[in-house]
Amino acid sequence: MKNTSLQMYFTDTEVGNYYSVSRGTIRRWIREGKFPRGKKLSSGSTRWLRSDIEEFDQAVLRMNEEMPAE
């Protein structure tokens, strides 16, 4: 994501680039309930708040820490 220290909203392309996945994967994760829904700003324009992305990252880290090692 470009200029993450200042940018507040991210497009699906920027979110996909951040996680190294396609826009389609982001949409699939949302449908499966694995990723937060973005904020609909207008018809055809969805953005994710930086804070929502950071919260998602923290939740994933906590889940990974709680998983028993094999």
Protein backbone atom coordinates (compact mmCIF):
# COMPACT_ATOMS: atom_id res chain seq x y z
CA MET A 1 0.00 0.00 0.00
CA LYS A 2 1.37 3.35 -0.85
CA ASN A 3 2.11 5.90 1.84
CA THR A 4 0.47 3.89 4.61
CA SER A 5 1.45 6.39 7.30
CA LEU A 6 -0.89 9.00 5.80
CA GLN A 7 -3.44 7.07 3.79
CA MET A 8 -6.71 6.34 5.58
CA TYR A 9 -8.66 4.37 2.93
CA PHE A 10 -7.47 1.61 0.59
CA THR A 11 -8.92 0.24 -2.64
CA ASP A 12 -9.43 -3.47 -3.28
CA THR A 13 -6.36 -3.40 -5.54
CA GLU A 14 -4.23 -1.88 -2.78
CA VAL A 15 -5.53 -4.39 -0.23
CA GLY A 16 -4.81 -7.24 -2.67
CA ASN A 17 -1.30 -5.94 -3.24
CA TYR A 18 -0.71 -5.69 0.51
CA TYR A 19 -1.62 -9.36 0.99
CA SER A 20 -0.17 -10.46 -2.39
CA VAL A 21 -3.51 -11.79 -3.59
CA SER A 22 -5.93 -10.84 -6.36
CA ARG A 23 -8.97 -8.61 -6.00
CA GLY A 24 -11.05 -11.75 -6.59
CA THR A 25 -9.45 -13.41 -3.57
CA ILE A 26 -10.31 -10.40 -1.40
CA ARG A 27 -13.94 -10.62 -2.58
CA ARG A 28 -14.01 -14.38 -1.92
CA TRP A 29 -12.60 -13.90 1.60
CA ILE A 30 -15.37 -11.35 2.25
CA ARG A 31 -18.09 -13.74 1.00
CA GLU A 32 -16.64 -16.49 3.22
CA GLY A 33 -16.59 -14.17 6.24
CA LYS A 34 -12.79 -14.30 6.46
CA PHE A 35 -12.13 -10.62 5.75
CA PRO A 36 -13.83 -7.37 6.82
CA ARG A 37 -16.28 -5.78 4.42
CA GLY A 38 -15.15 -2.46 3.05
CA LYS A 39 -17.04 0.79 3.35
CA LYS A 40 -19.24 1.57 0.35
CA LEU A 41 -18.45 5.18 -0.56
CA SER A 42 -20.57 5.23 -3.71
CA SER A 43 -21.87 2.88 -6.37
CA GLY A 44 -18.91 0.76 -7.44
CA SER A 45 -16.55 2.39 -4.95
CA THR A 46 -15.56 0.39 -1.87
CA ARG A 47 -12.69 1.29 0.45
CA TRP A 48 -11.17 -0.27 3.55
CA LEU A 49 -10.16 1.79 6.53
CA ARG A 50 -6.54 1.39 7.51
CA SER A 51 -7.67 0.67 11.09
CA ASP A 52 -9.88 -2.22 9.86
CA ILE A 53 -6.92 -3.76 8.02
CA GLU A 54 -4.71 -3.38 11.10
CA GLU A 55 -7.37 -4.98 13.33
CA PHE A 56 -7.70 -7.88 10.88
CA ASP A 57 -3.91 -8.38 10.90
CA GLN A 58 -3.86 -8.41 14.71
CA ALA A 59 -6.72 -10.93 14.86
CA VAL A 60 -4.90 -13.26 12.45
CA LEU A 61 -1.72 -12.99 14.52
CA ARG A 62 -3.63 -13.83 17.72
CA MET A 63 -5.27 -16.84 16.04
CA ASN A 64 -1.90 -18.12 14.85
CA GLU A 65 -0.40 -17.73 18.32
CA GLU A 66 -3.28 -19.67 19.89
CA MET A 67 -3.02 -22.61 17.48
CA PRO A 68 -1.23 -25.60 19.00
CA ALA A 69 2.08 -26.50 17.38
CA GLU A 70 2.14 -29.83 15.61
